[in-house]
Amino acid sequence: AEYGELEDGELEDLQLAEALQEIQLEEVFSLEDLRKDFTYSTEDLEIHTGEVLVERKSYFQAHVSRVHSKADVSGVLRKLLENPKISAATHNILAYRYTDEAGRCNEDYEDDGEAKAGGRLLELLQLMGVQDLLVVVSRWFGGVLLGPSRFKCINNIARDTILSSGLHTDQHHTSGKRKKRKGK
């Protein structure tokens, strides 16, 4: 098919939409299955899962966990992907930040095919001042292109899940409003 000029990620979304036209999201799993609140625990790792956001047939759900090493990040991801609903997601976008034993801040992200989404998720963690946390946002593509609004969905569901998990411990994050600096 001829696509013309599309924004980053829209071509991929359009191709997926064409490939998935015959498949309904509800046939894979139900929204009620996703809404079931669950918390995994693997030794010292707890994974908190947030509410489901539905935006024009796409489903978004965030998962957050306290992490202190790359091994923790890998362990949480392995545990999440054991869930068939999460492993069936079109994208599992992630970002993490933690301080290692030497006091260095380690941070990284993964887009998982959703161009630029992981970097924006990491920027959210930085702006919130969150440390020692991994956030994974699962997106199940519903066949409708969301364009740039998909980033708002990803960041909003991530922020809400971080705050509701009780793992957000930063003191200088208030209601998202920035204080004006004098002379600016």
C-alpha atoms as a PDB file:
ATOM      1  CA  ALA A   1       0.000   0.000   0.000  1.00  0.00           C
ATOM      2  CA  GLU A   2       1.068   3.604  -0.555  1.00  0.00           C
ATOM      3  CA  TYR A   3       1.462   5.588   2.660  1.00  0.00           C
ATOM      4  CA  GLY A   4       2.795   9.047   1.743  1.00  0.00           C
ATOM      5  CA  GLU A   5       4.432  11.105   4.501  1.00  0.00           C
ATOM      6  CA  LEU A   6       3.829   9.861   8.035  1.00  0.00           C
ATOM      7  CA  GLU A   7       5.283  10.836  11.433  1.00  0.00           C
ATOM      8  CA  ASP A   8       7.706   8.573  13.298  1.00  0.00           C
ATOM      9  CA  GLY A   9       6.003   5.358  14.302  1.00  0.00           C
ATOM     10  CA  GLU A  10       2.849   6.019  12.256  1.00  0.00           C
ATOM     11  CA  LEU A  11       3.996   3.870   9.341  1.00  0.00           C
ATOM     12  CA  GLU A  12       4.606   0.991  11.726  1.00  0.00           C
ATOM     13  CA  ASP A  13       1.188   1.586  13.338  1.00  0.00           C
ATOM     14  CA  LEU A  14      -0.497   1.671   9.947  1.00  0.00           C
ATOM     15  CA  GLN A  15       1.179  -1.557   8.840  1.00  0.00           C
ATOM     16  CA  LEU A  16       0.161  -3.212  12.112  1.00  0.00           C
ATOM     17  CA  ALA A  17      -3.395  -1.956  11.686  1.00  0.00           C
ATOM     18  CA  GLU A  18      -3.599  -3.552   8.259  1.00  0.00           C
ATOM     19  CA  ALA A  19      -2.142  -6.808   9.549  1.00  0.00           C
ATOM     20  CA  LEU A  20      -4.498  -6.881  12.542  1.00  0.00           C
ATOM     21  CA  GLN A  21      -7.727  -5.835  10.809  1.00  0.00           C
ATOM     22  CA  GLU A  22      -9.248  -9.285  11.199  1.00  0.00           C
ATOM     23  CA  ILE A  23      -8.110  -9.754  14.794  1.00  0.00           C
ATOM     24  CA  GLN A  24     -10.105  -8.150  17.564  1.00  0.00           C
ATOM     25  CA  LEU A  25      -8.241  -7.321  20.776  1.00  0.00           C
ATOM     26  CA  GLU A  26     -11.060  -8.796  22.829  1.00  0.00           C
ATOM     27  CA  GLU A  27     -10.477 -12.200  21.208  1.00  0.00           C
ATOM     28  CA  VAL A  28      -6.979 -12.357  22.745  1.00  0.00           C
ATOM     29  CA  PHE A  29      -8.034 -11.331  26.279  1.00  0.00           C
ATOM     30  CA  SER A  30     -10.769  -9.390  27.964  1.00  0.00           C
ATOM     31  CA  LEU A  31     -10.518  -5.915  29.431  1.00  0.00           C
ATOM     32  CA  GLU A  32     -11.733  -7.420  32.716  1.00  0.00           C
ATOM     33  CA  ASP A  33      -8.681  -9.739  32.743  1.00  0.00           C
ATOM     34  CA  LEU A  34      -6.394  -6.708  32.426  1.00  0.00           C
ATOM     35  CA  ARG A  35      -8.193  -4.776  35.143  1.00  0.00           C
ATOM     36  CA  LYS A  36      -7.538  -7.459  37.736  1.00  0.00           C
ATOM     37  CA  ASP A  37      -5.090  -5.902  40.160  1.00  0.00           C
ATOM     38  CA  PHE A  38      -2.042  -8.023  40.735  1.00  0.00           C
ATOM     39  CA  THR A  39       1.264  -7.743  42.527  1.00  0.00           C
ATOM     40  CA  TYR A  40       4.079 -10.188  41.850  1.00  0.00           C
ATOM     41  CA  SER A  41       6.820 -10.840  44.344  1.00  0.00           C
ATOM     42  CA  THR A  42      10.097 -12.523  43.450  1.00  0.00           C
ATOM     43  CA  GLU A  43      12.358 -12.547  46.479  1.00  0.00           C
ATOM     44  CA  ASP A  44      12.838  -8.826  47.161  1.00  0.00           C
ATOM     45  CA  LEU A  45      11.154  -7.593  43.957  1.00  0.00           C
ATOM     46  CA  GLU A  46       7.541  -6.441  43.956  1.00  0.00           C
ATOM     47  CA  ILE A  47       5.807  -5.424  40.753  1.00  0.00           C
ATOM     48  CA  HIS A  48       2.833  -3.091  41.022  1.00  0.00           C
ATOM     49  CA  THR A  49       0.414  -2.975  38.109  1.00  0.00           C
ATOM     50  CA  GLY A  50      -1.802   0.015  37.476  1.00  0.00           C
ATOM     51  CA  GLU A  51      -5.186   0.622  35.967  1.00  0.00           C
ATOM     52  CA  VAL A  52      -5.926   0.159  32.274  1.00  0.00           C
ATOM     53  CA  LEU A  53      -6.245   3.205  30.036  1.00  0.00           C
ATOM     54  CA  VAL A  54      -8.278   2.730  26.851  1.00  0.00           C
ATOM     55  CA  GLU A  55      -7.707   5.249  24.074  1.00  0.00           C
ATOM     56  CA  ARG A  56      -9.383   4.698  20.698  1.00  0.00           C
ATOM     57  CA  LYS A  57      -9.254   0.889  20.987  1.00  0.00           C
ATOM     58  CA  SER A  58      -5.645   0.785  22.239  1.00  0.00           C
ATOM     59  CA  TYR A  59      -5.042  -0.427  25.781  1.00  0.00           C
ATOM     60  CA  PHE A  60      -2.237   0.912  28.004  1.00  0.00           C
ATOM     61  CA  GLN A  61      -1.154  -0.476  31.370  1.00  0.00           C
ATOM     62  CA  ALA A  62       1.903   0.371  33.474  1.00  0.00           C
ATOM     63  CA  HIS A  63       3.919  -1.832  35.817  1.00  0.00           C
ATOM     64  CA  VAL A  64       6.443  -0.435  38.317  1.00  0.00           C
ATOM     65  CA  SER A  65       9.033  -2.053  40.551  1.00  0.00           C
ATOM     66  CA  ARG A  66      11.827  -0.964  42.849  1.00  0.00           C
ATOM     67  CA  VAL A  67      15.210  -1.935  41.295  1.00  0.00           C
ATOM     68  CA  HIS A  68      18.811  -1.598  42.505  1.00  0.00           C
ATOM     69  CA  SER A  69      20.759  -3.275  39.682  1.00  0.00           C
ATOM     70  CA  LYS A  70      20.640  -4.378  36.054  1.00  0.00           C
ATOM     71  CA  ALA A  71      19.954  -7.897  37.393  1.00  0.00           C
ATOM     72  CA  ASP A  72      16.840  -6.565  39.151  1.00  0.00           C
ATOM     73  CA  VAL A  73      15.674  -4.950  35.897  1.00  0.00           C
ATOM     74  CA  SER A  74      16.149  -8.252  34.034  1.00  0.00           C
ATOM     75  CA  GLY A  75      14.408 -10.217  36.795  1.00  0.00           C
ATOM     76  CA  VAL A  76      11.362  -7.961  36.788  1.00  0.00           C
ATOM     77  CA  LEU A  77      11.121  -8.105  32.987  1.00  0.00           C
ATOM     78  CA  ARG A  78      11.346 -11.900  33.006  1.00  0.00           C
ATOM     79  CA  LYS A  79       8.601 -12.079  35.616  1.00  0.00           C
ATOM     80  CA  LEU A  80       6.339  -9.664  33.727  1.00  0.00           C
ATOM     81  CA  LEU A  81       6.769 -11.540  30.455  1.00  0.00           C
ATOM     82  CA  GLU A  82       5.686 -14.780  32.130  1.00  0.00           C
ATOM     83  CA  ASN A  83       2.195 -13.282  32.066  1.00  0.00           C
ATOM     84  CA  PRO A  84       0.729 -14.206  28.640  1.00  0.00           C
ATOM     85  CA  LYS A  85      -1.285 -10.984  28.460  1.00  0.00           C
ATOM     86  CA  ILE A  86       1.806  -8.836  28.964  1.00  0.00           C
ATOM     87  CA  SER A  87       3.978 -10.881  26.618  1.00  0.00           C
ATOM     88  CA  ALA A  88       1.223 -10.583  23.965  1.00  0.00           C
ATOM     89  CA  ALA A  89       1.323  -6.761  24.134  1.00  0.00           C
ATOM     90  CA  THR A  90       2.271  -5.014  20.912  1.00  0.00           C
ATOM     91  CA  HIS A  91       4.852  -2.958  22.825  1.00  0.00           C
ATOM     92  CA  ASN A  92       6.393  -3.205  26.303  1.00  0.00           C
ATOM     93  CA  ILE A  93       8.113   0.166  26.652  1.00  0.00           C
ATOM     94  CA  LEU A  94      10.430   0.599  29.621  1.00  0.00           C
ATOM     95  CA  ALA A  95      12.664   3.033  31.439  1.00  0.00           C
ATOM     96  CA  TYR A  96      14.620   2.706  34.649  1.00  0.00           C
ATOM     97  CA  ARG A  97      16.882   4.644  36.994  1.00  0.00           C
ATOM     98  CA  TYR A  98      18.873   3.317  39.927  1.00  0.00           C
ATOM     99  CA  THR A  99      21.932   4.240  41.956  1.00  0.00           C
ATOM    100  CA  ASP A 100      24.574   1.519  42.090  1.00  0.00           C
ATOM    101  CA  GLU A 101      26.801   0.654  45.056  1.00  0.00           C
ATOM    102  CA  ALA A 102      29.430   3.158  43.860  1.00  0.00           C
ATOM    103  CA  GLY A 103      26.824   5.951  43.976  1.00  0.00           C
ATOM    104  CA  ARG A 104      26.551   6.279  40.182  1.00  0.00           C
ATOM    105  CA  CYS A 105      23.165   6.900  38.605  1.00  0.00           C
ATOM    106  CA  ASN A 106      22.357   4.242  35.994  1.00  0.00           C
ATOM    107  CA  GLU A 107      19.490   4.870  33.611  1.00  0.00           C
ATOM    108  CA  ASP A 108      18.310   3.493  30.310  1.00  0.00           C
ATOM    109  CA  TYR A 109      15.195   2.833  28.262  1.00  0.00           C
ATOM    110  CA  GLU A 110      13.793   0.531  25.577  1.00  0.00           C
ATOM    111  CA  ASP A 111      11.227   1.594  22.959  1.00  0.00           C
ATOM    112  CA  ASP A 112      10.234  -1.966  21.967  1.00  0.00           C
ATOM    113  CA  GLY A 113       9.207  -0.733  18.522  1.00  0.00           C
ATOM    114  CA  GLU A 114       7.273   2.338  19.740  1.00  0.00           C
ATOM    115  CA  ALA A 115       9.681   4.970  18.383  1.00  0.00           C
ATOM    116  CA  LYS A 116      10.839   7.567  20.944  1.00  0.00           C
ATOM    117  CA  ALA A 117       8.466   6.324  23.669  1.00  0.00           C
ATOM    118  CA  GLY A 118      11.177   4.885  25.942  1.00  0.00           C
ATOM    119  CA  GLY A 119      13.175   8.110  25.907  1.00  0.00           C
ATOM    120  CA  ARG A 120      10.083  10.088  26.838  1.00  0.00           C
ATOM    121  CA  LEU A 121       9.373   7.638  29.656  1.00  0.00           C
ATOM    122  CA  LEU A 122      12.913   8.066  30.988  1.00  0.00           C
ATOM    123  CA  GLU A 123      12.479  11.846  30.801  1.00  0.00           C
ATOM    124  CA  LEU A 124       9.345  11.476  32.952  1.00  0.00           C
ATOM    125  CA  LEU A 125      11.336   9.565  35.587  1.00  0.00           C
ATOM    126  CA  GLN A 126      13.999  12.287  35.536  1.00  0.00           C
ATOM    127  CA  LEU A 127      11.448  15.106  35.845  1.00  0.00           C
ATOM    128  CA  MET A 128       9.725  13.317  38.730  1.00  0.00           C
ATOM    129  CA  GLY A 129      13.097  12.809  40.435  1.00  0.00           C
ATOM    130  CA  VAL A 130      12.365   9.086  40.709  1.00  0.00           C
ATOM    131  CA  GLN A 131      15.302   6.849  41.635  1.00  0.00           C
ATOM    132  CA  ASP A 132      15.658   3.045  42.006  1.00  0.00           C
ATOM    133  CA  LEU A 133      12.573   2.381  39.898  1.00  0.00           C
ATOM    134  CA  LEU A 134      11.667   0.526  36.712  1.00  0.00           C
ATOM    135  CA  VAL A 135       8.505   1.371  34.807  1.00  0.00           C
ATOM    136  CA  VAL A 136       7.151  -0.768  31.970  1.00  0.00           C
ATOM    137  CA  VAL A 137       4.177   0.389  29.920  1.00  0.00           C
ATOM    138  CA  SER A 138       2.405  -2.307  27.925  1.00  0.00           C
ATOM    139  CA  ARG A 139       0.439  -1.195  24.875  1.00  0.00           C
ATOM    140  CA  TRP A 140      -1.981  -3.388  23.008  1.00  0.00           C
ATOM    141  CA  PHE A 141      -2.559  -1.734  19.625  1.00  0.00           C
ATOM    142  CA  GLY A 142      -6.263  -1.551  18.798  1.00  0.00           C
ATOM    143  CA  GLY A 143      -6.080  -0.782  15.087  1.00  0.00           C
ATOM    144  CA  VAL A 144      -6.480   3.012  15.274  1.00  0.00           C
ATOM    145  CA  LEU A 145      -3.455   5.265  14.795  1.00  0.00           C
ATOM    146  CA  LEU A 146      -3.043   7.586  17.781  1.00  0.00           C
ATOM    147  CA  GLY A 147      -0.224   9.738  16.433  1.00  0.00           C
ATOM    148  CA  PRO A 148       1.576  11.869  19.038  1.00  0.00           C
ATOM    149  CA  SER A 149      -1.233  11.425  21.588  1.00  0.00           C
ATOM    150  CA  ARG A 150       0.117   7.919  22.273  1.00  0.00           C
ATOM    151  CA  PHE A 151       3.023   9.533  24.169  1.00  0.00           C
ATOM    152  CA  LYS A 152       0.590  11.357  26.457  1.00  0.00           C
ATOM    153  CA  CYS A 153      -1.198   8.051  27.159  1.00  0.00           C
ATOM    154  CA  ILE A 154       2.093   6.266  27.908  1.00  0.00           C
ATOM    155  CA  ASN A 155       3.404   8.975  30.240  1.00  0.00           C
ATOM    156  CA  ASN A 156       0.076   9.571  32.008  1.00  0.00           C
ATOM    157  CA  ILE A 157      -0.490   5.904  32.809  1.00  0.00           C
ATOM    158  CA  ALA A 158       3.144   5.562  33.938  1.00  0.00           C
ATOM    159  CA  ARG A 159       2.953   8.634  36.206  1.00  0.00           C
ATOM    160  CA  ASP A 160      -0.364   7.536  37.724  1.00  0.00           C
ATOM    161  CA  THR A 161       0.965   4.037  38.442  1.00  0.00           C
ATOM    162  CA  ILE A 162       4.203   5.345  39.968  1.00  0.00           C
ATOM    163  CA  LEU A 163       2.259   7.655  42.282  1.00  0.00           C
ATOM    164  CA  SER A 164      -0.374   5.054  43.240  1.00  0.00           C
ATOM    165  CA  SER A 165       2.261   2.358  43.895  1.00  0.00           C
ATOM    166  CA  GLY A 166       3.716   4.217  46.860  1.00  0.00           C
ATOM    167  CA  LEU A 167       7.220   3.792  45.412  1.00  0.00           C
ATOM    168  CA  HIS A 168       7.601   7.476  44.530  1.00  0.00           C
ATOM    169  CA  THR A 169       9.677   8.997  47.311  1.00  0.00           C
ATOM    170  CA  ASP A 170      10.920  12.267  45.835  1.00  0.00           C
ATOM    171  CA  GLN A 171      10.253  15.322  48.007  1.00  0.00           C
ATOM    172  CA  HIS A 172      10.602  18.014  45.329  1.00  0.00           C
ATOM    173  CA  HIS A 173       7.895  16.666  43.013  1.00  0.00           C
ATOM    174  CA  THR A 174       4.677  18.475  43.724  1.00  0.00           C
ATOM    175  CA  SER A 175       1.659  18.671  41.473  1.00  0.00           C
ATOM    176  CA  GLY A 176       3.696  18.924  38.282  1.00  0.00           C
ATOM    177  CA  LYS A 177       3.826  22.734  38.461  1.00  0.00           C
ATOM    178  CA  ARG A 178       7.259  24.295  38.134  1.00  0.00           C
ATOM    179  CA  LYS A 179       8.300  27.237  40.258  1.00  0.00           C
ATOM    180  CA  LYS A 180       9.316  30.358  38.367  1.00  0.00           C
ATOM    181  CA  ARG A 181      12.908  31.438  38.831  1.00  0.00           C
ATOM    182  CA  LYS A 182      13.459  35.083  39.697  1.00  0.00           C
ATOM    183  CA  GLY A 183      14.651  37.194  36.821  1.00  0.00           C
ATOM    184  CA  LYS A 184      13.358  34.828  34.148  1.00  0.00           C
END
